[in-house]
Amino acid sequence: MPWRHIGEHALFWLLASLMLTFFFGATKPTYWWGFVDNLMYLPIHMSYFYVMAYWVMPHYLLQGKYGWFALFMVLCIMSSALMTRILDITVIDPRVYNEYQKQDPTFTWNKIHGSFAYQLFNMQYFANAAKGVNLVIWTALTIKFFKMWHERREAALQAELNFLKGQVHPHFLFNTLNNIYALSLSKSDKAPAVVIGLSEILKYMLYETKADTVPLKRDVEAMQNYIELEKLRYEGRLDLNVKIQDGIDEHRIAPLLLAPLVENAFKHGTSEQVGDVWINIDLSIRDQKLKFKVSNSKPTILPGDIERHKGNIGLPNVKKRLELLYPKAHQLKIYEEDVLFAIILEVNLDKHISL
């Protein structure tokens, strides 16, 4: 366990002892006496907590074995209460009784009368012991449980994000290789330029997109590189308008959110049209709110082509990543008409969830 965690645990147990002293110190000759007594209880409290937090909860509660969890929880409560009563009978109670006797020789205390077995299993005293132990332990266990739940949730979300981000790479590569293949079939001298452009984009994808966020400028540059690759295939029949607002250098965004939307316009829109086609791209930022609009001319989809269009990975991928990274901080609107397809993405850049 790192030293920082050891310090955190030590601080917690000190505060727990002070809390118990505050609640139960009035029953002792002085509050200092109560604090010392609580330090003697500390090994019992710590044993109870660490068995529950690092064995019972991970192996049974979080694994859905609720019956076993309930059994071991009861055993921990009973055993800790039993050890508390043994400490009371042999050390704590005689110590308190002797102190009061010094102050008042006529002082009597029914709690210490009777046999060891009677004192040990007296239900009132046993229940009080269990209550005192559980007050602090279940406060700590509740904190520990929510921390474990939060860590597991973050790990699951990170795994899902990595999977979704990993989908973008092969999906994009597959589409670009198709472009290179088409150019090579026509023996176009543009194929080498496409390969060089592809290497630049892949370098960004592989080495710069591992962080939660990247400079918006770099993600826009990757998008523009992709646009340059696509333009090579159109032989001047593409009417492309790209408008990027100045002053985007200071902003950051989750990587690979913009390019898939542009790719969608090329792959499922203009690439399937004969004749002149158009794409409009507009990116602006106001008050930390990014607005990204991509619109394109749309081909007529024949009945036999419907299933092929359903295979689009890019848009569902972006939707899912937005839900995970910008929950309640984004809008993704899709408009579709007979001759037009448009996507408008709005993102509050300062609301990103870090994982």
Protein backbone atom coordinates (compact mmCIF):
# COMPACT_ATOMS: atom_id res chain seq x y z
CA MET A 1 0.00 0.00 0.00
CA PRO A 2 1.51 3.40 -0.98
CA TRP A 3 2.55 5.73 1.83
CA ARG A 4 -0.16 8.21 0.83
CA HIS A 5 -2.83 5.55 1.37
CA ILE A 6 -1.29 4.54 4.70
CA GLY A 7 -1.48 8.16 5.80
CA GLU A 8 -5.13 8.40 4.69
CA HIS A 9 -6.05 5.27 6.64
CA ALA A 10 -4.18 6.44 9.74
CA LEU A 11 -5.98 9.79 9.60
CA PHE A 12 -9.35 8.06 9.23
CA TRP A 13 -8.79 5.83 12.28
CA LEU A 14 -7.69 8.82 14.35
CA LEU A 15 -10.86 10.68 13.37
CA ALA A 16 -12.95 7.57 14.05
CA SER A 17 -11.49 7.32 17.56
CA LEU A 18 -12.27 10.99 18.17
CA MET A 19 -15.83 10.47 16.92
CA LEU A 20 -16.39 7.52 19.26
CA THR A 21 -14.91 9.55 22.12
CA PHE A 22 -17.38 12.34 21.37
CA PHE A 23 -20.36 9.94 21.39
CA PHE A 24 -19.38 7.72 24.32
CA GLY A 25 -16.78 9.71 26.28
CA ALA A 26 -19.39 11.11 28.67
CA THR A 27 -19.77 7.65 30.24
CA LYS A 28 -16.07 7.65 31.25
CA PRO A 29 -14.34 9.56 34.09
CA THR A 30 -12.94 12.03 31.52
CA TYR A 31 -12.98 12.37 27.75
CA TRP A 32 -9.25 11.57 27.74
CA TRP A 33 -10.08 8.26 29.37
CA GLY A 34 -12.65 7.66 26.67
CA PHE A 35 -10.09 8.41 23.95
CA VAL A 36 -7.55 5.98 25.45
CA ASP A 37 -10.24 3.29 25.72
CA ASN A 38 -11.16 3.80 22.07
CA LEU A 39 -7.53 3.38 21.07
CA MET A 40 -7.64 -0.02 22.80
CA TYR A 41 -10.73 -0.91 20.77
CA LEU A 42 -8.96 0.11 17.57
CA PRO A 43 -7.45 -3.32 16.67
CA ILE A 44 -10.96 -4.84 16.82
CA HIS A 45 -12.44 -2.08 14.66
CA MET A 46 -9.61 -2.32 12.14
CA SER A 47 -9.85 -6.11 11.89
CA TYR A 48 -13.60 -5.87 11.33
CA PHE A 49 -13.22 -3.18 8.67
CA TYR A 50 -10.38 -4.72 6.67
CA VAL A 51 -11.94 -8.19 6.60
CA MET A 52 -15.22 -6.70 5.38
CA ALA A 53 -13.73 -4.14 2.97
CA TYR A 54 -10.99 -6.24 1.37
CA TRP A 55 -12.39 -9.77 1.53
CA VAL A 56 -16.13 -10.05 2.19
CA MET A 57 -17.34 -7.15 0.00
CA PRO A 58 -15.12 -7.79 -3.06
CA HIS A 59 -15.58 -11.57 -3.03
CA TYR A 60 -19.26 -11.79 -2.15
CA LEU A 61 -21.21 -8.52 -2.32
CA LEU A 62 -19.70 -7.27 -5.59
CA GLN A 63 -19.86 -10.76 -7.08
CA GLY A 64 -23.59 -11.01 -6.40
CA LYS A 65 -23.24 -13.73 -3.73
CA TYR A 66 -25.62 -12.00 -1.35
CA GLY A 67 -26.35 -15.01 0.85
CA TRP A 68 -22.68 -15.59 1.62
CA PHE A 69 -22.19 -11.86 2.10
CA ALA A 70 -24.99 -11.75 4.70
CA LEU A 71 -23.54 -14.78 6.49
CA PHE A 72 -20.01 -13.36 6.73
CA MET A 73 -21.34 -9.93 7.68
CA VAL A 74 -23.24 -11.45 10.64
CA LEU A 75 -20.14 -13.45 11.62
CA CYS A 76 -18.01 -10.28 11.54
CA ILE A 77 -20.54 -8.37 13.65
CA MET A 78 -20.84 -11.17 16.21
CA SER A 79 -17.11 -11.84 16.47
CA SER A 80 -16.21 -8.14 16.79
CA ALA A 81 -18.90 -7.65 19.45
CA LEU A 82 -17.59 -10.73 21.26
CA MET A 83 -14.00 -9.44 21.22
CA THR A 84 -15.24 -6.03 22.38
CA ARG A 85 -17.02 -7.60 25.35
CA ILE A 86 -13.93 -9.62 26.29
CA LEU A 87 -11.85 -6.42 26.23
CA ASP A 88 -14.54 -4.64 28.29
CA ILE A 89 -14.67 -7.35 30.94
CA THR A 90 -10.93 -7.90 31.29
CA VAL A 91 -9.49 -4.38 30.82
CA ILE A 92 -11.85 -1.46 30.12
CA ASP A 93 -14.57 -1.92 32.77
CA PRO A 94 -12.20 -2.77 35.70
CA ARG A 95 -10.06 0.23 34.75
CA VAL A 96 -13.07 2.58 34.79
CA TYR A 97 -14.48 1.01 37.97
CA ASN A 98 -11.19 1.42 39.86
CA GLU A 99 -10.95 5.09 38.86
CA TYR A 100 -14.48 5.83 40.10
CA GLN A 101 -13.75 3.90 43.32
CA LYS A 102 -10.78 6.15 44.00
CA GLN A 103 -13.05 9.17 43.69
CA ASP A 104 -15.92 7.60 45.67
CA PRO A 105 -15.23 4.45 47.76
CA THR A 106 -18.99 3.79 47.99
CA PHE A 107 -19.34 3.61 44.19
CA THR A 108 -20.84 0.37 42.87
CA TRP A 109 -21.38 -0.76 39.28
CA ASN A 110 -23.72 -3.61 38.49
CA LYS A 111 -22.14 -4.10 35.07
CA ILE A 112 -19.03 -5.77 36.50
CA HIS A 113 -20.88 -8.08 38.88
CA GLY A 114 -21.57 -11.68 38.00
CA SER A 115 -19.52 -14.41 36.38
CA PHE A 116 -17.40 -13.91 33.28
CA ALA A 117 -19.91 -15.89 31.19
CA TYR A 118 -22.83 -13.82 32.50
CA GLN A 119 -21.09 -10.55 31.66
CA LEU A 120 -19.96 -11.84 28.27
CA PHE A 121 -23.38 -12.95 27.07
CA ASN A 122 -25.58 -10.34 28.75
CA MET A 123 -27.76 -9.31 25.79
CA GLN A 124 -27.95 -5.63 26.74
CA TYR A 125 -24.20 -5.23 27.03
CA PHE A 126 -23.58 -7.41 23.95
CA ALA A 127 -25.99 -5.31 21.86
CA ASN A 128 -24.34 -2.09 23.07
CA ALA A 129 -20.94 -3.49 22.07
CA ALA A 130 -22.22 -4.37 18.59
CA LYS A 131 -23.76 -0.90 18.21
CA GLY A 132 -20.54 0.85 19.19
CA VAL A 133 -18.49 -1.18 16.74
CA ASN A 134 -20.92 -0.84 13.84
CA LEU A 135 -21.33 2.93 14.19
CA VAL A 136 -17.84 3.64 12.92
CA ILE A 137 -17.28 0.54 10.80
CA TRP A 138 -20.36 0.91 8.64
CA THR A 139 -19.58 4.56 8.09
CA ALA A 140 -16.19 3.50 6.77
CA LEU A 141 -17.59 0.57 4.78
CA THR A 142 -20.16 2.80 3.10
CA ILE A 143 -17.38 5.14 1.97
CA LYS A 144 -15.29 2.18 0.81
CA PHE A 145 -18.19 0.60 -1.07
CA PHE A 146 -19.00 3.74 -3.04
CA LYS A 147 -15.31 4.21 -3.83
CA MET A 148 -15.08 0.63 -5.14
CA TRP A 149 -18.29 1.06 -7.14
CA HIS A 150 -17.03 4.32 -8.64
CA GLU A 151 -13.67 2.76 -9.59
CA ARG A 152 -15.38 -0.21 -11.24
CA ARG A 153 -17.75 2.07 -13.11
CA GLU A 154 -14.84 4.20 -14.34
CA ALA A 155 -12.92 1.09 -15.42
CA ALA A 156 -15.94 -0.21 -17.33
CA LEU A 157 -16.50 3.15 -19.04
CA GLN A 158 -12.82 3.41 -19.95
CA ALA A 159 -12.87 -0.09 -21.43
CA GLU A 160 -15.95 0.77 -23.49
CA LEU A 161 -14.40 4.04 -24.68
CA ASN A 162 -11.20 2.25 -25.69
CA PHE A 163 -13.29 -0.25 -27.63
CA LEU A 164 -15.25 2.50 -29.38
CA LYS A 165 -12.11 4.49 -30.15
CA GLY A 166 -10.51 1.31 -31.47
CA GLN A 167 -13.42 0.88 -33.87
CA VAL A 168 -12.68 4.24 -35.48
CA HIS A 169 -9.13 3.28 -36.52
CA PRO A 170 -9.88 0.17 -38.62
CA HIS A 171 -13.12 1.68 -39.94
CA PHE A 172 -11.30 4.76 -41.20
CA LEU A 173 -8.36 2.70 -42.51
CA PHE A 174 -10.70 0.37 -44.39
CA ASN A 175 -12.44 3.27 -46.13
CA THR A 176 -9.18 5.00 -47.05
CA LEU A 177 -7.64 1.79 -48.41
CA ASN A 178 -10.71 1.47 -50.61
CA ASN A 179 -9.92 4.92 -51.97
CA ILE A 180 -6.31 3.96 -52.66
CA TYR A 181 -7.48 0.77 -54.37
CA ALA A 182 -9.86 2.72 -56.60
CA LEU A 183 -7.08 5.15 -57.57
CA SER A 184 -4.66 2.33 -58.28
CA LEU A 185 -7.16 0.63 -60.59
CA SER A 186 -7.35 3.79 -62.65
CA LYS A 187 -3.55 4.05 -62.53
CA SER A 188 -3.91 7.51 -61.02
CA ASP A 189 -0.73 9.37 -60.11
CA LYS A 190 -2.58 10.63 -57.02
CA ALA A 191 -2.21 7.31 -55.17
CA PRO A 192 1.23 8.15 -53.66
CA ALA A 193 -0.14 11.43 -52.27
CA VAL A 194 -3.02 9.53 -50.69
CA VAL A 195 -0.60 7.10 -49.02
CA ILE A 196 1.44 9.99 -47.58
CA GLY A 197 -1.70 11.73 -46.35
CA LEU A 198 -2.92 8.49 -44.81
CA SER A 199 0.36 8.04 -42.92
CA GLU A 200 -0.01 11.53 -41.39
CA ILE A 201 -3.55 10.80 -40.21
CA LEU A 202 -2.62 7.39 -38.81
CA LYS A 203 0.30 8.96 -36.93
CA TYR A 204 -2.18 11.28 -35.22
CA MET A 205 -4.63 8.46 -34.49
CA LEU A 206 -2.04 6.08 -33.08
CA TYR A 207 0.14 8.44 -31.06
CA GLU A 208 -1.88 11.53 -30.12
CA THR A 209 -5.38 10.28 -29.34
CA LYS A 210 -4.66 8.21 -26.22
CA ALA A 211 -5.41 11.15 -23.89
CA ASP A 212 -8.91 12.04 -22.73
CA THR A 213 -8.74 15.30 -24.69
CA VAL A 214 -6.54 16.72 -27.43
CA PRO A 215 -6.07 20.28 -28.70
CA LEU A 216 -9.05 21.08 -30.91
CA LYS A 217 -6.63 22.46 -33.48
CA ARG A 218 -5.00 19.01 -33.90
CA ASP A 219 -8.33 17.24 -34.31
CA VAL A 220 -9.36 19.81 -36.91
CA GLU A 221 -6.03 19.33 -38.72
CA ALA A 222 -6.64 15.57 -38.84
CA MET A 223 -10.10 16.23 -40.25
CA GLN A 224 -8.66 18.60 -42.88
CA ASN A 225 -6.04 16.02 -43.86
CA TYR A 226 -8.81 13.51 -44.38
CA ILE A 227 -10.73 16.02 -46.52
CA GLU A 228 -7.63 16.55 -48.69
CA LEU A 229 -7.41 12.79 -49.25
CA GLU A 230 -11.04 12.58 -50.27
CA LYS A 231 -10.82 15.57 -52.63
CA LEU A 232 -8.28 13.72 -54.77
CA ARG A 233 -10.98 11.32 -55.97
CA TYR A 234 -13.43 13.84 -57.34
CA GLU A 235 -11.61 15.33 -60.31
CA GLY A 236 -13.06 18.81 -59.70
CA ARG A 237 -16.71 17.77 -59.51
CA LEU A 238 -16.90 18.39 -55.74
CA ASP A 239 -18.13 21.75 -54.49
CA LEU A 240 -16.56 21.83 -51.02
CA ASN A 241 -16.90 24.70 -48.56
CA VAL A 242 -15.03 24.50 -45.25
CA LYS A 243 -15.33 27.30 -42.70
CA ILE A 244 -13.28 27.01 -39.50
CA GLN A 245 -13.51 29.84 -36.98
CA ASP A 246 -10.23 31.47 -35.97
CA GLY A 247 -8.97 31.25 -32.39
CA ILE A 248 -9.56 27.56 -31.70
CA ASP A 249 -6.02 26.95 -30.38
CA GLU A 250 -6.95 27.33 -26.70
CA HIS A 251 -9.74 24.74 -26.75
CA ARG A 252 -9.61 20.97 -26.19
CA ILE A 253 -11.95 18.18 -27.22
CA ALA A 254 -12.25 14.40 -26.99
CA PRO A 255 -10.31 13.00 -29.96
CA LEU A 256 -11.86 11.67 -33.16
CA LEU A 257 -15.33 13.16 -32.78
CA LEU A 258 -15.24 15.42 -35.85
CA ALA A 259 -13.61 13.31 -38.58
CA PRO A 260 -16.22 10.50 -38.50
CA LEU A 261 -18.97 13.05 -39.23
CA VAL A 262 -17.05 14.33 -42.26
CA GLU A 263 -16.26 10.79 -43.33
CA ASN A 264 -19.97 9.99 -43.20
CA ALA A 265 -20.67 12.85 -45.64
CA PHE A 266 -18.14 11.50 -48.12
CA LYS A 267 -18.79 7.77 -47.77
CA HIS A 268 -22.59 7.66 -47.56
CA GLY A 269 -23.29 10.82 -49.51
CA THR A 270 -21.18 12.28 -52.26
CA SER A 271 -19.14 9.17 -53.14
CA GLU A 272 -22.32 7.43 -54.29
CA GLN A 273 -23.51 10.25 -56.55
CA VAL A 274 -22.92 10.70 -60.26
CA GLY A 275 -22.21 14.22 -61.43
CA ASP A 276 -21.54 17.31 -59.34
CA VAL A 277 -21.81 16.98 -55.57
CA TRP A 278 -21.41 19.34 -52.64
CA ILE A 279 -20.36 19.31 -48.97
CA ASN A 280 -20.50 22.22 -46.52
CA ILE A 281 -18.55 22.11 -43.24
CA ASP A 282 -18.80 24.82 -40.59
CA LEU A 283 -17.11 24.90 -37.16
CA SER A 284 -17.58 27.72 -34.65
CA ILE A 285 -17.16 28.24 -30.90
CA ARG A 286 -18.95 30.62 -28.60
CA ASP A 287 -18.73 30.64 -24.78
CA GLN A 288 -17.00 27.23 -24.69
CA LYS A 289 -19.78 25.75 -26.84
CA LEU A 290 -18.64 24.15 -30.07
CA LYS A 291 -21.02 23.96 -33.02
CA PHE A 292 -20.04 21.70 -35.90
CA LYS A 293 -22.28 21.39 -38.93
CA VAL A 294 -21.75 19.02 -41.85
CA SER A 295 -24.23 18.97 -44.72
CA ASN A 296 -23.98 17.19 -48.04
CA SER A 297 -25.90 16.37 -51.18
CA LYS A 298 -27.54 12.99 -50.95
CA PRO A 299 -27.89 10.21 -53.52
CA THR A 300 -31.13 8.41 -54.15
CA ILE A 301 -31.00 5.13 -52.25
CA LEU A 302 -32.46 2.20 -54.12
CA PRO A 303 -34.28 -0.55 -52.14
CA GLY A 304 -31.39 -2.96 -52.61
CA ASP A 305 -28.93 -0.46 -51.09
CA ILE A 306 -30.73 0.00 -47.77
CA GLU A 307 -28.97 -2.83 -45.94
CA ARG A 308 -25.57 -1.58 -47.07
CA HIS A 309 -26.30 1.86 -45.63
CA LYS A 310 -27.29 0.34 -42.29
CA GLY A 311 -23.72 -0.92 -41.88
CA ASN A 312 -22.40 2.53 -41.05
CA ILE A 313 -20.21 2.35 -37.92
CA GLY A 314 -19.16 6.00 -37.67
CA LEU A 315 -22.34 7.75 -36.50
CA PRO A 316 -23.42 5.18 -33.85
CA ASN A 317 -19.84 5.19 -32.56
CA VAL A 318 -19.80 8.99 -32.21
CA LYS A 319 -23.23 8.98 -30.54
CA LYS A 320 -22.10 6.46 -27.92
CA ARG A 321 -18.84 8.27 -27.20
CA LEU A 322 -20.69 11.56 -26.79
CA GLU A 323 -23.05 9.94 -24.27
CA LEU A 324 -20.07 8.70 -22.25
CA LEU A 325 -17.79 11.75 -22.49
CA TYR A 326 -20.26 14.64 -22.60
CA PRO A 327 -23.38 13.43 -20.77
CA LYS A 328 -26.10 16.10 -20.83
CA ALA A 329 -23.55 18.44 -22.41
CA HIS A 330 -24.06 17.78 -26.10
CA GLN A 331 -26.66 17.66 -28.85
CA LEU A 332 -26.38 15.64 -32.03
CA LYS A 333 -29.09 16.48 -34.55
CA ILE A 334 -29.56 14.68 -37.86
CA TYR A 335 -31.65 16.11 -40.68
CA GLU A 336 -32.49 14.10 -43.78
CA GLU A 337 -34.43 15.16 -46.84
CA ASP A 338 -34.70 13.82 -50.37
CA VAL A 339 -31.58 15.61 -51.62
CA LEU A 340 -29.93 16.73 -48.37
CA PHE A 341 -28.30 15.13 -45.34
CA ALA A 342 -27.06 17.30 -42.44
CA ILE A 343 -25.55 16.70 -39.02
CA ILE A 344 -25.28 19.40 -36.36
CA LEU A 345 -23.13 18.66 -33.32
CA GLU A 346 -23.10 21.00 -30.32
CA VAL A 347 -20.73 20.28 -27.41
CA ASN A 348 -20.01 22.14 -24.17
CA LEU A 349 -16.24 21.76 -24.21
CA ASP A 350 -15.85 22.56 -20.50
CA LYS A 351 -18.18 19.70 -19.46
CA HIS A 352 -15.92 16.83 -20.50
CA ILE A 353 -15.91 13.78 -18.21
CA SER A 354 -12.36 12.59 -17.45
CA LEU A 355 -11.85 8.86 -16.98
